[in-house]
Full PDB file with SEQRES, HELIX, SHEET, SSBOND, CRYST1, ORIGX, SCALE, CONECT and MASTER records, all heavy atoms in Angstrom:
SEQRES   1 A   41  SER PHE GLU ASP SER PRO PHE ILE MET GLU VAL LEU THR          
SEQRES   2 A   41  GLU LEU ARG ASP LYS ASN THR ASP SER ILE ALA PHE ARG          
SEQRES   3 A   41  LYS GLY LEU VAL LYS LEU GLY ARG TYR MET GLY TYR GLU          
SEQRES   4 A   41  LEU THR                                                      
HELIX    1 AA1 PRO A    6  ARG A   16  1                                  11    
HELIX    2 AA2 SER A   22  LEU A   40  1                                  19    
CRYST1    1.000    1.000    1.000  90.00  90.00  90.00 P 1           1          
ORIGX1      1.000000  0.000000  0.000000        0.00000                         
ORIGX2      0.000000  1.000000  0.000000        0.00000                         
ORIGX3      0.000000  0.000000  1.000000        0.00000                         
SCALE1      1.000000  0.000000  0.000000        0.00000                         
SCALE2      0.000000  1.000000  0.000000        0.00000                         
SCALE3      0.000000  0.000000  1.000000        0.00000                         
ATOM      1  N   SER A   1       0.851  -1.188   0.000  1.00  0.00           N  
ATOM      2  CA  SER A   1       0.000   0.000   0.000  1.00  0.00           C  
ATOM      3  C   SER A   1       0.890   1.243   0.000  1.00  0.00           C  
ATOM      4  O   SER A   1       2.097   1.166   0.222  1.00  0.00           O  
ATOM      5  CB  SER A   1      -0.923   0.015   1.223  1.00  0.00           C  
ATOM      6  OG  SER A   1      -0.177   0.316   2.399  1.00  0.00           O  
ATOM      7  N   PHE A   2       0.253   2.397  -0.237  1.00  0.00           N  
ATOM      8  CA  PHE A   2       0.979   3.668  -0.261  1.00  0.00           C  
ATOM      9  C   PHE A   2       0.498   4.592   0.858  1.00  0.00           C  
ATOM     10  O   PHE A   2       0.449   5.806   0.703  1.00  0.00           O  
ATOM     11  CB  PHE A   2       0.816   4.339  -1.627  1.00  0.00           C  
ATOM     12  CG  PHE A   2       1.389   3.525  -2.751  1.00  0.00           C  
ATOM     13  CD1 PHE A   2       0.570   2.829  -3.624  1.00  0.00           C  
ATOM     14  CD2 PHE A   2       2.758   3.433  -2.922  1.00  0.00           C  
ATOM     15  CE1 PHE A   2       1.095   2.077  -4.661  1.00  0.00           C  
ATOM     16  CE2 PHE A   2       3.297   2.672  -3.961  1.00  0.00           C  
ATOM     17  CZ  PHE A   2       2.471   1.995  -4.825  1.00  0.00           C  
ATOM     18  N   GLU A   3       0.157   3.973   1.991  1.00  0.00           N  
ATOM     19  CA  GLU A   3      -0.322   4.746   3.139  1.00  0.00           C  
ATOM     20  C   GLU A   3       0.754   5.650   3.715  1.00  0.00           C  
ATOM     21  O   GLU A   3       0.456   6.556   4.492  1.00  0.00           O  
ATOM     22  CB  GLU A   3      -0.859   3.806   4.217  1.00  0.00           C  
ATOM     23  CG  GLU A   3      -2.078   3.002   3.778  1.00  0.00           C  
ATOM     24  CD  GLU A   3      -2.554   2.045   4.851  1.00  0.00           C  
ATOM     25  OE1 GLU A   3      -2.680   2.490   6.002  1.00  0.00           O  
ATOM     26  OE2 GLU A   3      -2.787   0.869   4.543  1.00  0.00           O  
ATOM     27  N   ASP A   4       2.007   5.402   3.353  1.00  0.00           N  
ATOM     28  CA  ASP A   4       3.109   6.240   3.839  1.00  0.00           C  
ATOM     29  C   ASP A   4       3.348   7.456   2.953  1.00  0.00           C  
ATOM     30  O   ASP A   4       4.268   8.230   3.197  1.00  0.00           O  
ATOM     31  CB  ASP A   4       4.390   5.421   3.960  1.00  0.00           C  
ATOM     32  CG  ASP A   4       4.799   4.754   2.648  1.00  0.00           C  
ATOM     33  OD1 ASP A   4       3.943   4.643   1.741  1.00  0.00           O  
ATOM     34  OD2 ASP A   4       5.968   4.341   2.535  1.00  0.00           O  
ATOM     35  N   SER A   5       2.505   7.635   1.913  1.00  0.00           N  
ATOM     36  CA  SER A   5       2.651   8.784   1.013  1.00  0.00           C  
ATOM     37  C   SER A   5       1.585   9.828   1.329  1.00  0.00           C  
ATOM     38  O   SER A   5       0.408   9.623   1.030  1.00  0.00           O  
ATOM     39  CB  SER A   5       2.513   8.347  -0.449  1.00  0.00           C  
ATOM     40  OG  SER A   5       2.368   9.474  -1.292  1.00  0.00           O  
ATOM     41  N   PRO A   6       1.960  10.957   1.932  1.00  0.00           N  
ATOM     42  CA  PRO A   6       0.966  11.984   2.246  1.00  0.00           C  
ATOM     43  C   PRO A   6       0.218  12.481   1.013  1.00  0.00           C  
ATOM     44  O   PRO A   6      -0.993  12.749   1.088  1.00  0.00           O  
ATOM     45  CB  PRO A   6       1.801  13.107   2.881  1.00  0.00           C  
ATOM     46  CG  PRO A   6       3.011  12.417   3.432  1.00  0.00           C  
ATOM     47  CD  PRO A   6       3.299  11.311   2.461  1.00  0.00           C  
ATOM     48  N   PHE A   7       0.914  12.600  -0.118  1.00  0.00           N  
ATOM     49  CA  PHE A   7       0.245  13.098  -1.326  1.00  0.00           C  
ATOM     50  C   PHE A   7      -0.832  12.126  -1.788  1.00  0.00           C  
ATOM     51  O   PHE A   7      -1.966  12.508  -2.072  1.00  0.00           O  
ATOM     52  CB  PHE A   7       1.250  13.330  -2.448  1.00  0.00           C  
ATOM     53  CG  PHE A   7       0.608  13.783  -3.729  1.00  0.00           C  
ATOM     54  CD1 PHE A   7       0.230  15.102  -3.908  1.00  0.00           C  
ATOM     55  CD2 PHE A   7       0.353  12.883  -4.748  1.00  0.00           C  
ATOM     56  CE1 PHE A   7      -0.391  15.516  -5.078  1.00  0.00           C  
ATOM     57  CE2 PHE A   7      -0.266  13.281  -5.924  1.00  0.00           C  
ATOM     58  CZ  PHE A   7      -0.637  14.604  -6.085  1.00  0.00           C  
ATOM     59  N   ILE A   8      -0.490  10.834  -1.865  1.00  0.00           N  
ATOM     60  CA  ILE A   8      -1.467   9.843  -2.309  1.00  0.00           C  
ATOM     61  C   ILE A   8      -2.631   9.774  -1.336  1.00  0.00           C  
ATOM     62  O   ILE A   8      -3.802   9.661  -1.739  1.00  0.00           O  
ATOM     63  CB  ILE A   8      -0.792   8.466  -2.493  1.00  0.00           C  
ATOM     64  CG1 ILE A   8       0.127   8.529  -3.727  1.00  0.00           C  
ATOM     65  CG2 ILE A   8      -1.827   7.350  -2.661  1.00  0.00           C  
ATOM     66  CD1 ILE A   8       0.927   7.263  -3.979  1.00  0.00           C  
ATOM     67  N   MET A   9      -2.365   9.879  -0.045  1.00  0.00           N  
ATOM     68  CA  MET A   9      -3.449   9.856   0.947  1.00  0.00           C  
ATOM     69  C   MET A   9      -4.345  11.101   0.825  1.00  0.00           C  
ATOM     70  O   MET A   9      -5.561  11.029   1.043  1.00  0.00           O  
ATOM     71  CB  MET A   9      -2.872   9.769   2.354  1.00  0.00           C  
ATOM     72  CG  MET A   9      -2.260   8.410   2.693  1.00  0.00           C  
ATOM     73  SD  MET A   9      -3.437   7.022   2.611  1.00  0.00           S  
ATOM     74  CE  MET A   9      -3.065   6.363   0.966  1.00  0.00           C  
ATOM     75  N   GLU A  10      -3.765  12.239   0.457  1.00  0.00           N  
ATOM     76  CA  GLU A  10      -4.578  13.447   0.256  1.00  0.00           C  
ATOM     77  C   GLU A  10      -5.503  13.285  -0.945  1.00  0.00           C  
ATOM     78  O   GLU A  10      -6.686  13.651  -0.894  1.00  0.00           O  
ATOM     79  CB  GLU A  10      -3.679  14.666   0.069  1.00  0.00           C  
ATOM     80  CG  GLU A  10      -4.462  15.964  -0.101  1.00  0.00           C  
ATOM     81  CD  GLU A  10      -3.564  17.183  -0.229  1.00  0.00           C  
ATOM     82  OE1 GLU A  10      -2.367  17.096   0.137  1.00  0.00           O  
ATOM     83  OE2 GLU A  10      -4.062  18.224  -0.700  1.00  0.00           O  
ATOM     84  N   VAL A  11      -4.973  12.733  -2.042  1.00  0.00           N  
ATOM     85  CA  VAL A  11      -5.813  12.486  -3.223  1.00  0.00           C  
ATOM     86  C   VAL A  11      -6.922  11.492  -2.879  1.00  0.00           C  
ATOM     87  O   VAL A  11      -8.081  11.670  -3.267  1.00  0.00           O  
ATOM     88  CB  VAL A  11      -4.971  11.977  -4.401  1.00  0.00           C  
ATOM     89  CG1 VAL A  11      -5.864  11.643  -5.591  1.00  0.00           C  
ATOM     90  CG2 VAL A  11      -3.924  13.011  -4.807  1.00  0.00           C  
ATOM     91  N   LEU A  12      -6.590  10.443  -2.136  1.00  0.00           N  
ATOM     92  CA  LEU A  12      -7.592   9.457  -1.735  1.00  0.00           C  
ATOM     93  C   LEU A  12      -8.679  10.101  -0.882  1.00  0.00           C  
ATOM     94  O   LEU A  12      -9.871   9.780  -1.033  1.00  0.00           O  
ATOM     95  CB  LEU A  12      -6.919   8.317  -0.968  1.00  0.00           C  
ATOM     96  CG  LEU A  12      -7.858   7.243  -0.407  1.00  0.00           C  
ATOM     97  CD1 LEU A  12      -8.657   6.572  -1.508  1.00  0.00           C  
ATOM     98  CD2 LEU A  12      -7.056   6.200   0.387  1.00  0.00           C  
ATOM     99  N   THR A  13      -8.303  11.007  -0.005  1.00  0.00           N  
ATOM    100  CA  THR A  13      -9.284  11.700   0.832  1.00  0.00           C  
ATOM    101  C   THR A  13     -10.288  12.457  -0.024  1.00  0.00           C  
ATOM    102  O   THR A  13     -11.501  12.430   0.239  1.00  0.00           O  
ATOM    103  CB  THR A  13      -8.571  12.670   1.794  1.00  0.00           C  
ATOM    104  OG1 THR A  13      -7.696  11.915   2.651  1.00  0.00           O  
ATOM    105  CG2 THR A  13      -9.566  13.439   2.650  1.00  0.00           C  
ATOM    106  N   GLU A  14      -9.808  13.114  -1.077  1.00  0.00           N  
ATOM    107  CA  GLU A  14     -10.704  13.831  -1.970  1.00  0.00           C  
ATOM    108  C   GLU A  14     -11.626  12.862  -2.711  1.00  0.00           C  
ATOM    109  O   GLU A  14     -12.816  13.131  -2.891  1.00  0.00           O  
ATOM    110  CB  GLU A  14      -9.901  14.660  -2.981  1.00  0.00           C  
ATOM    111  CG  GLU A  14     -10.786  15.520  -3.883  1.00  0.00           C  
ATOM    112  CD  GLU A  14      -9.977  16.382  -4.841  1.00  0.00           C  
ATOM    113  OE1 GLU A  14      -8.760  16.191  -4.949  1.00  0.00           O  
ATOM    114  OE2 GLU A  14     -10.594  17.250  -5.497  1.00  0.00           O  
ATOM    115  N   LEU A  15     -11.097  11.724  -3.119  1.00  0.00           N  
ATOM    116  CA  LEU A  15     -11.924  10.740  -3.811  1.00  0.00           C  
ATOM    117  C   LEU A  15     -13.006  10.168  -2.895  1.00  0.00           C  
ATOM    118  O   LEU A  15     -14.119   9.880  -3.340  1.00  0.00           O  
ATOM    119  CB  LEU A  15     -11.059   9.601  -4.350  1.00  0.00           C  
ATOM    120  CG  LEU A  15     -10.080   9.943  -5.474  1.00  0.00           C  
ATOM    121  CD1 LEU A  15      -9.259   8.722  -5.845  1.00  0.00           C  
ATOM    122  CD2 LEU A  15     -10.799  10.480  -6.697  1.00  0.00           C  
ATOM    123  N   ARG A  16     -12.704   9.996  -1.641  1.00  0.00           N  
ATOM    124  CA  ARG A  16     -13.688   9.454  -0.690  1.00  0.00           C  
ATOM    125  C   ARG A  16     -14.848  10.420  -0.460  1.00  0.00           C  
ATOM    126  O   ARG A  16     -15.977   9.985  -0.212  1.00  0.00           O  
ATOM    127  CB  ARG A  16     -13.024   9.170   0.656  1.00  0.00           C  
ATOM    128  CG  ARG A  16     -12.081   7.966   0.692  1.00  0.00           C  
ATOM    129  CD  ARG A  16     -11.835   7.618   2.149  1.00  0.00           C  
ATOM    130  NE  ARG A  16     -10.735   6.723   2.397  1.00  0.00           N  
ATOM    131  CZ  ARG A  16     -10.819   5.393   2.407  1.00  0.00           C  
ATOM    132  NH1 ARG A  16     -11.958   4.802   2.064  1.00  0.00           N  
ATOM    133  NH2 ARG A  16      -9.759   4.654   2.727  1.00  0.00           N  
ATOM    134  N   ASP A  17     -14.577  11.715  -0.515  1.00  0.00           N  
ATOM    135  CA  ASP A  17     -15.576  12.738  -0.186  1.00  0.00           C  
ATOM    136  C   ASP A  17     -16.769  12.639  -1.124  1.00  0.00           C  
ATOM    137  O   ASP A  17     -16.631  12.753  -2.346  1.00  0.00           O  
ATOM    138  CB  ASP A  17     -14.923  14.121  -0.294  1.00  0.00           C  
ATOM    139  CG  ASP A  17     -15.800  15.241   0.261  1.00  0.00           C  
ATOM    140  OD1 ASP A  17     -17.036  15.063   0.356  1.00  0.00           O  
ATOM    141  OD2 ASP A  17     -15.242  16.303   0.588  1.00  0.00           O  
ATOM    142  N   LYS A  18     -17.962  12.457  -0.570  1.00  0.00           N  
ATOM    143  CA  LYS A  18     -19.167  12.309  -1.390  1.00  0.00           C  
ATOM    144  C   LYS A  18     -19.495  13.572  -2.170  1.00  0.00           C  
ATOM    145  O   LYS A  18     -20.273  13.530  -3.135  1.00  0.00           O  
ATOM    146  CB  LYS A  18     -20.361  11.919  -0.516  1.00  0.00           C  
ATOM    147  CG  LYS A  18     -20.817  12.994   0.460  1.00  0.00           C  
ATOM    148  CD  LYS A  18     -22.032  12.522   1.250  1.00  0.00           C  
ATOM    149  CE  LYS A  18     -22.550  13.613   2.168  1.00  0.00           C  
ATOM    150  NZ  LYS A  18     -23.736  13.164   2.934  1.00  0.00           N  
ATOM    151  N   ASN A  19     -18.921  14.714  -1.786  1.00  0.00           N  
ATOM    152  CA  ASN A  19     -19.185  15.975  -2.479  1.00  0.00           C  
ATOM    153  C   ASN A  19     -18.234  16.224  -3.651  1.00  0.00           C  
ATOM    154  O   ASN A  19     -18.385  17.227  -4.361  1.00  0.00           O  
ATOM    155  CB  ASN A  19     -19.095  17.145  -1.488  1.00  0.00           C  
ATOM    156  CG  ASN A  19     -20.177  17.066  -0.421  1.00  0.00           C  
ATOM    157  OD1 ASN A  19     -21.350  16.831  -0.722  1.00  0.00           O  
ATOM    158  ND2 ASN A  19     -19.789  17.250   0.834  1.00  0.00           N  
ATOM    159  N   THR A  20     -17.254  15.349  -3.858  1.00  0.00           N  
ATOM    160  CA  THR A  20     -16.343  15.488  -4.995  1.00  0.00           C  
ATOM    161  C   THR A  20     -17.093  15.164  -6.283  1.00  0.00           C  
ATOM    162  O   THR A  20     -17.679  14.083  -6.406  1.00  0.00           O  
ATOM    163  CB  THR A  20     -15.136  14.546  -4.835  1.00  0.00           C  
ATOM    164  OG1 THR A  20     -14.417  14.923  -3.654  1.00  0.00           O  
ATOM    165  CG2 THR A  20     -14.209  14.634  -6.033  1.00  0.00           C  
ATOM    166  N   ASP A  21     -17.095  16.106  -7.241  1.00  0.00           N  
ATOM    167  CA  ASP A  21     -17.859  15.881  -8.474  1.00  0.00           C  
ATOM    168  C   ASP A  21     -17.094  14.979  -9.443  1.00  0.00           C  
ATOM    169  O   ASP A  21     -15.941  14.611  -9.203  1.00  0.00           O  
ATOM    170  CB  ASP A  21     -18.242  17.215  -9.139  1.00  0.00           C  
ATOM    171  CG  ASP A  21     -17.040  18.031  -9.599  1.00  0.00           C  
ATOM    172  OD1 ASP A  21     -15.949  17.452  -9.813  1.00  0.00           O  
ATOM    173  OD2 ASP A  21     -17.190  19.260  -9.756  1.00  0.00           O  
ATOM    174  N   SER A  22     -17.742  14.629 -10.557  1.00  0.00           N  
ATOM    175  CA  SER A  22     -17.172  13.668 -11.498  1.00  0.00           C  
ATOM    176  C   SER A  22     -15.856  14.146 -12.104  1.00  0.00           C  
ATOM    177  O   SER A  22     -14.926  13.356 -12.291  1.00  0.00           O  
ATOM    178  CB  SER A  22     -18.168  13.355 -12.613  1.00  0.00           C  
ATOM    179  OG  SER A  22     -19.278  12.653 -12.114  1.00  0.00           O  
ATOM    180  N   ILE A  23     -15.782  15.438 -12.429  1.00  0.00           N  
ATOM    181  CA  ILE A  23     -14.558  15.963 -13.044  1.00  0.00           C  
ATOM    182  C   ILE A  23     -13.379  15.826 -12.084  1.00  0.00           C  
ATOM    183  O   ILE A  23     -12.308  15.334 -12.446  1.00  0.00           O  
ATOM    184  CB  ILE A  23     -14.748  17.426 -13.472  1.00  0.00           C  
ATOM    185  CG1 ILE A  23     -15.797  17.521 -14.586  1.00  0.00           C  
ATOM    186  CG2 ILE A  23     -13.423  18.036 -13.928  1.00  0.00           C  
ATOM    187  CD1 ILE A  23     -16.182  18.935 -14.947  1.00  0.00           C  
ATOM    188  N   ALA A  24     -13.580  16.259 -10.837  1.00  0.00           N  
ATOM    189  CA  ALA A  24     -12.510  16.169  -9.844  1.00  0.00           C  
ATOM    190  C   ALA A  24     -12.179  14.717  -9.522  1.00  0.00           C  
ATOM    191  O   ALA A  24     -11.019  14.370  -9.280  1.00  0.00           O  
ATOM    192  CB  ALA A  24     -12.913  16.915  -8.570  1.00  0.00           C  
ATOM    193  N   PHE A  25     -13.197  13.860  -9.545  1.00  0.00           N  
ATOM    194  CA  PHE A  25     -12.971  12.439  -9.271  1.00  0.00           C  
ATOM    195  C   PHE A  25     -12.095  11.813 -10.356  1.00  0.00           C  
ATOM    196  O   PHE A  25     -11.138  11.103 -10.054  1.00  0.00           O  
ATOM    197  CB  PHE A  25     -14.314  11.714  -9.176  1.00  0.00           C  
ATOM    198  CG  PHE A  25     -14.220  10.335  -8.579  1.00  0.00           C  
ATOM    199  CD1 PHE A  25     -14.364  10.145  -7.215  1.00  0.00           C  
ATOM    200  CD2 PHE A  25     -13.985   9.233  -9.382  1.00  0.00           C  
ATOM    201  CE1 PHE A  25     -14.275   8.877  -6.655  1.00  0.00           C  
ATOM    202  CE2 PHE A  25     -13.889   7.958  -8.844  1.00  0.00           C  
ATOM    203  CZ  PHE A  25     -14.038   7.778  -7.473  1.00  0.00           C  
ATOM    204  N   ARG A  26     -12.427  12.100 -11.616  1.00  0.00           N  
ATOM    205  CA  ARG A  26     -11.610  11.566 -12.718  1.00  0.00           C  
ATOM    206  C   ARG A  26     -10.182  12.073 -12.628  1.00  0.00           C  
ATOM    207  O   ARG A  26      -9.218  11.322 -12.820  1.00  0.00           O  
ATOM    208  CB  ARG A  26     -12.217  11.953 -14.076  1.00  0.00           C  
ATOM    209  CG  ARG A  26     -13.463  11.197 -14.438  1.00  0.00           C  
ATOM    210  CD  ARG A  26     -13.766  11.322 -15.923  1.00  0.00           C  
ATOM    211  NE  ARG A  26     -13.965  12.696 -16.349  1.00  0.00           N  
ATOM    212  CZ  ARG A  26     -15.123  13.335 -16.326  1.00  0.00           C  
ATOM    213  NH1 ARG A  26     -16.207  12.734 -15.868  1.00  0.00           N  
ATOM    214  NH2 ARG A  26     -15.215  14.575 -16.754  1.00  0.00           N  
ATOM    215  N   LYS A  27     -10.017  13.362 -12.354  1.00  0.00           N  
ATOM    216  CA  LYS A  27      -8.671  13.929 -12.244  1.00  0.00           C  
ATOM    217  C   LYS A  27      -7.896  13.278 -11.103  1.00  0.00           C  
ATOM    218  O   LYS A  27      -6.683  13.058 -11.202  1.00  0.00           O  
ATOM    219  CB  LYS A  27      -8.752  15.443 -12.039  1.00  0.00           C  
ATOM    220  CG  LYS A  27      -9.175  16.213 -13.293  1.00  0.00           C  
ATOM    221  CD  LYS A  27      -9.191  17.716 -13.025  1.00  0.00           C  
ATOM    222  CE  LYS A  27      -9.534  18.490 -14.294  1.00  0.00           C  
ATOM    223  NZ  LYS A  27      -9.565  19.960 -14.064  1.00  0.00           N  
ATOM    224  N   GLY A  28      -8.608  12.963 -10.020  1.00  0.00           N  
ATOM    225  CA  GLY A  28      -7.963  12.294  -8.898  1.00  0.00           C  
ATOM    226  C   GLY A  28      -7.461  10.910  -9.271  1.00  0.00           C  
ATOM    227  O   GLY A  28      -6.350  10.511  -8.892  1.00  0.00           O  
ATOM    228  N   LEU A  29      -8.249  10.168 -10.046  1.00  0.00           N  
ATOM    229  CA  LEU A  29      -7.806   8.851 -10.499  1.00  0.00           C  
ATOM    230  C   LEU A  29      -6.590   8.954 -11.417  1.00  0.00           C  
ATOM    231  O   LEU A  29      -5.675   8.122 -11.350  1.00  0.00           O  
ATOM    232  CB  LEU A  29      -8.949   8.122 -11.215  1.00  0.00           C  
ATOM    233  CG  LEU A  29     -10.114   7.623 -10.359  1.00  0.00           C  
ATOM    234  CD1 LEU A  29     -11.166   6.957 -11.238  1.00  0.00           C  
ATOM    235  CD2 LEU A  29      -9.636   6.660  -9.287  1.00  0.00           C  
ATOM    236  N   VAL A  30      -6.577   9.978 -12.277  1.00  0.00           N  
ATOM    237  CA  VAL A  30      -5.413  10.184 -13.149  1.00  0.00           C  
ATOM    238  C   VAL A  30      -4.166  10.456 -12.301  1.00  0.00           C  
ATOM    239  O   VAL A  30      -3.089   9.891 -12.539  1.00  0.00           O  
ATOM    240  CB  VAL A  30      -5.656  11.340 -14.139  1.00  0.00           C  
ATOM    241  CG1 VAL A  30      -4.386  11.645 -14.927  1.00  0.00           C  
ATOM    242  CG2 VAL A  30      -6.791  11.010 -15.098  1.00  0.00           C  
ATOM    243  N   LYS A  31      -4.311  11.307 -11.295  1.00  0.00           N  
ATOM    244  CA  LYS A  31      -3.180  11.610 -10.397  1.00  0.00           C  
ATOM    245  C   LYS A  31      -2.656  10.337  -9.740  1.00  0.00           C  
ATOM    246  O   LYS A  31      -1.444  10.103  -9.682  1.00  0.00           O  
ATOM    247  CB  LYS A  31      -3.606  12.593  -9.309  1.00  0.00           C  
ATOM    248  CG  LYS A  31      -3.812  14.015  -9.758  1.00  0.00           C  
ATOM    249  CD  LYS A  31      -4.265  14.856  -8.568  1.00  0.00           C  
ATOM    250  CE  LYS A  31      -4.673  16.256  -8.975  1.00  0.00           C  
ATOM    251  NZ  LYS A  31      -5.202  17.020  -7.813  1.00  0.00           N  
ATOM    252  N   LEU A  32      -3.578   9.524  -9.226  1.00  0.00           N  
ATOM    253  CA  LEU A  32      -3.143   8.308  -8.546  1.00  0.00           C  
ATOM    254  C   LEU A  32      -2.440   7.360  -9.515  1.00  0.00           C  
ATOM    255  O   LEU A  32      -1.422   6.753  -9.163  1.00  0.00           O  
ATOM    256  CB  LEU A  32      -4.338   7.600  -7.897  1.00  0.00           C  
ATOM    257  CG  LEU A  32      -4.883   8.227  -6.623  1.00  0.00           C  
ATOM    258  CD1 LEU A  32      -5.960   7.338  -6.018  1.00  0.00           C  
ATOM    259  CD2 LEU A  32      -3.785   8.461  -5.587  1.00  0.00           C  
ATOM    260  N   GLY A  33      -2.974   7.222 -10.730  1.00  0.00           N  
ATOM    261  CA  GLY A  33      -2.314   6.374 -11.718  1.00  0.00           C  
ATOM    262  C   GLY A  33      -0.891   6.833 -11.984  1.00  0.00           C  
ATOM    263  O   GLY A  33       0.042   6.017 -12.051  1.00  0.00           O  
ATOM    264  N   ARG A  34      -0.736   8.135 -12.110  1.00  0.00           N  
ATOM    265  CA  ARG A  34       0.594   8.683 -12.423  1.00  0.00           C  
ATOM    266  C   ARG A  34       1.569   8.484 -11.260  1.00  0.00           C  
ATOM    267  O   ARG A  34       2.680   7.975 -11.451  1.00  0.00           O  
ATOM    268  CB  ARG A  34       0.467  10.165 -12.757  1.00  0.00           C  
ATOM    269  CG  ARG A  34       1.752  10.792 -13.259  1.00  0.00           C  
ATOM    270  CD  ARG A  34       1.483  12.177 -13.812  1.00  0.00           C  
ATOM    271  NE  ARG A  34       2.628  12.703 -14.541  1.00  0.00           N  
ATOM    272  CZ  ARG A  34       2.576  13.753 -15.352  1.00  0.00           C  
ATOM    273  NH1 ARG A  34       1.429  14.368 -15.556  1.00  0.00           N  
ATOM    274  NH2 ARG A  34       3.651  14.180 -15.972  1.00  0.00           N  
ATOM    275  N   TYR A  35       1.157   8.861 -10.055  1.00  0.00           N  
ATOM    276  CA  TYR A  35       2.094   8.805  -8.935  1.00  0.00           C  
ATOM    277  C   TYR A  35       2.332   7.382  -8.445  1.00  0.00           C  
ATOM    278  O   TYR A  35       3.437   7.046  -8.007  1.00  0.00           O  
ATOM    279  CB  TYR A  35       1.621   9.723  -7.815  1.00  0.00           C  
ATOM    280  CG  TYR A  35       1.907  11.170  -8.154  1.00  0.00           C  
ATOM    281  CD1 TYR A  35       0.956  11.960  -8.783  1.00  0.00           C  
ATOM    282  CD2 TYR A  35       3.160  11.726  -7.899  1.00  0.00           C  
ATOM    283  CE1 TYR A  35       1.226  13.273  -9.143  1.00  0.00           C  
ATOM    284  CE2 TYR A  35       3.442  13.033  -8.255  1.00  0.00           C  
ATOM    285  CZ  TYR A  35       2.476  13.804  -8.877  1.00  0.00           C  
ATOM    286  OH  TYR A  35       2.752  15.098  -9.243  1.00  0.00           O  
ATOM    287  N   MET A  36       1.323   6.518  -8.544  1.00  0.00           N  
ATOM    288  CA  MET A  36       1.548   5.118  -8.213  1.00  0.00           C  
ATOM    289  C   MET A  36       2.446   4.464  -9.266  1.00  0.00           C  
ATOM    290  O   MET A  36       3.233   3.572  -8.957  1.00  0.00           O  
ATOM    291  CB  MET A  36       0.211   4.387  -8.069  1.00  0.00           C  
ATOM    292  CG  MET A  36      -0.561   4.842  -6.825  1.00  0.00           C  
ATOM    293  SD  MET A  36      -2.263   4.232  -6.753  1.00  0.00           S  
ATOM    294  CE  MET A  36      -1.996   2.536  -6.294  1.00  0.00           C  
ATOM    295  N   GLY A  37       2.335   4.933 -10.503  1.00  0.00           N  
ATOM    296  CA  GLY A  37       3.240   4.465 -11.549  1.00  0.00           C  
ATOM    297  C   GLY A  37       4.682   4.828 -11.242  1.00  0.00           C  
ATOM    298  O   GLY A  37       5.598   4.009 -11.421  1.00  0.00           O  
ATOM    299  N   TYR A  38       4.899   6.056 -10.768  1.00  0.00           N  
ATOM    300  CA  TYR A  38       6.256   6.453 -10.365  1.00  0.00           C  
ATOM    301  C   TYR A  38       6.785   5.514  -9.284  1.00  0.00           C  
ATOM    302  O   TYR A  38       7.945   5.087  -9.314  1.00  0.00           O  
ATOM    303  CB  TYR A  38       6.257   7.882  -9.809  1.00  0.00           C  
ATOM    304  CG  TYR A  38       6.044   8.977 -10.829  1.00  0.00           C  
ATOM    305  CD1 TYR A  38       5.381  10.159 -10.476  1.00  0.00           C  
ATOM    306  CD2 TYR A  38       6.508   8.854 -12.125  1.00  0.00           C  
ATOM    307  CE1 TYR A  38       5.181  11.171 -11.399  1.00  0.00           C  
ATOM    308  CE2 TYR A  38       6.312   9.864 -13.052  1.00  0.00           C  
ATOM    309  CZ  TYR A  38       5.643  11.020 -12.676  1.00  0.00           C  
ATOM    310  OH  TYR A  38       5.451  12.021 -13.600  1.00  0.00           O  
ATOM    311  N   GLU A  39       5.929   5.203  -8.306  1.00  0.00           N  
ATOM    312  CA  GLU A  39       6.346   4.328  -7.217  1.00  0.00           C  
ATOM    313  C   GLU A  39       6.680   2.927  -7.734  1.00  0.00           C  
ATOM    314  O   GLU A  39       7.612   2.276  -7.248  1.00  0.00           O  
ATOM    315  CB  GLU A  39       5.248   4.252  -6.151  1.00  0.00           C  
ATOM    316  CG  GLU A  39       5.038   5.535  -5.369  1.00  0.00           C  
ATOM    317  CD  GLU A  39       6.222   5.866  -4.478  1.00  0.00           C  
ATOM    318  OE1 GLU A  39       6.791   4.947  -3.858  1.00  0.00           O  
ATOM    319  OE2 GLU A  39       6.609   7.047  -4.418  1.00  0.00           O  
ATOM    320  N   LEU A  40       5.917   2.453  -8.714  1.00  0.00           N  
ATOM    321  CA  LEU A  40       6.174   1.123  -9.267  1.00  0.00           C  
ATOM    322  C   LEU A  40       7.566   1.022  -9.893  1.00  0.00           C  
ATOM    323  O   LEU A  40       8.185  -0.049  -9.869  1.00  0.00           O  
ATOM    324  CB  LEU A  40       5.127   0.775 -10.325  1.00  0.00           C  
ATOM    325  CG  LEU A  40       3.811   0.167  -9.859  1.00  0.00           C  
ATOM    326  CD1 LEU A  40       2.947  -0.173 -11.064  1.00  0.00           C  
ATOM    327  CD2 LEU A  40       4.052  -1.074  -9.021  1.00  0.00           C  
ATOM    328  N   THR A  41       8.057   2.121 -10.471  1.00  0.00           N  
ATOM    329  CA  THR A  41       9.379   2.063 -11.106  1.00  0.00           C  
ATOM    330  C   THR A  41      10.479   1.738 -10.090  1.00  0.00           C  
ATOM    331  O   THR A  41      11.542   1.236 -10.465  1.00  0.00           O  
ATOM    332  CB  THR A  41       9.738   3.381 -11.827  1.00  0.00           C  
ATOM    333  OG1 THR A  41       9.831   4.445 -10.873  1.00  0.00           O  
ATOM    334  CG2 THR A  41       8.694   3.720 -12.882  1.00  0.00           C  
TER     335      THR A  41                                                      
MASTER        0    0    0    2    0    0    0    6  334    1    0    4          
END                                                                             
């Protein structure tokens, strides 16, 4: 898991929020894909 990454946890917090709209939700998933990809390297 990436629970030790404050940035990834902040993005996840926004995704969890029921008030986050579809545009922000999609952007959040893109961010996670990118930064988790960096971690995979």
